[in-house]
């Protein structure tokens, strides 16, 4: 149930085509490099959000 909730925060799996590729094009960087650099902060945010949600429930 919590995983489903986290996926809704991420846009239901549409994060890559709707945010990453246009941002990479605007910044003139490789989408793969941008994804690699942002993987850790996004993962930490999802983990922290899940932990906070567990305490709030």
Protein backbone atom coordinates (compact mmCIF):
# COMPACT_ATOMS: atom_id res chain seq x y z
CA UNK A 1 0.00 0.00 0.00
CA UNK A 2 2.78 2.44 0.88
CA UNK A 3 4.64 1.62 -2.33
CA UNK A 4 1.53 2.51 -4.32
CA UNK A 5 1.34 5.79 -2.42
CA UNK A 6 5.00 6.54 -3.20
CA UNK A 7 4.45 5.86 -6.88
CA UNK A 8 1.64 8.41 -6.91
CA UNK A 9 4.07 10.98 -5.49
CA UNK A 10 6.41 10.24 -8.39
CA UNK A 11 3.70 10.79 -10.96
CA UNK A 12 2.72 7.18 -11.44
CA UNK A 13 5.97 6.30 -13.20
CA UNK A 14 5.89 9.24 -15.62
CA UNK A 15 8.80 11.04 -13.95
CA UNK A 16 11.32 10.16 -16.66
CA UNK A 17 9.58 11.33 -19.85
CA UNK A 18 7.84 14.36 -18.36
CA UNK A 19 10.59 15.86 -16.20
CA UNK A 20 14.01 14.39 -16.82
CA UNK A 21 14.28 14.53 -20.60
CA UNK A 22 13.06 18.17 -21.01
CA UNK A 23 15.26 19.31 -18.11
CA UNK A 24 18.27 17.60 -19.69
CA UNK A 25 17.51 19.23 -23.04
CA UNK A 26 17.21 22.69 -21.47
CA UNK A 27 20.47 22.27 -19.52
CA UNK A 28 22.23 20.69 -22.51
CA UNK A 29 23.34 17.60 -20.57
CA UNK A 30 22.86 13.90 -21.15
CA UNK A 31 19.61 12.51 -19.68
CA UNK A 32 21.56 9.50 -18.41
CA UNK A 33 24.04 11.73 -16.56
CA UNK A 34 21.21 13.77 -15.04
CA UNK A 35 19.40 10.60 -13.92
CA UNK A 36 22.60 9.19 -12.43
CA UNK A 37 23.31 12.37 -10.46
CA UNK A 38 19.72 12.65 -9.16
CA UNK A 39 19.19 9.00 -8.22
CA UNK A 40 20.49 9.29 -4.65
CA UNK A 41 18.54 12.46 -3.65
CA UNK A 42 15.31 11.06 -5.12
CA UNK A 43 15.78 7.70 -3.37
CA UNK A 44 16.51 9.43 -0.04
CA UNK A 45 13.41 11.59 -0.44
CA UNK A 46 11.20 8.56 -1.09
CA UNK A 47 12.62 6.69 1.90
CA UNK A 48 12.19 9.68 4.24
CA UNK A 49 8.64 10.27 2.96
CA UNK A 50 7.76 6.62 3.61
CA UNK A 51 9.20 6.71 7.14
CA UNK A 52 7.35 9.94 7.99
CA UNK A 53 4.12 8.47 6.57
CA UNK A 54 4.55 5.39 8.77
CA UNK A 55 4.81 7.58 11.87
CA UNK A 56 1.85 9.73 10.86
CA UNK A 57 -0.38 6.72 10.27
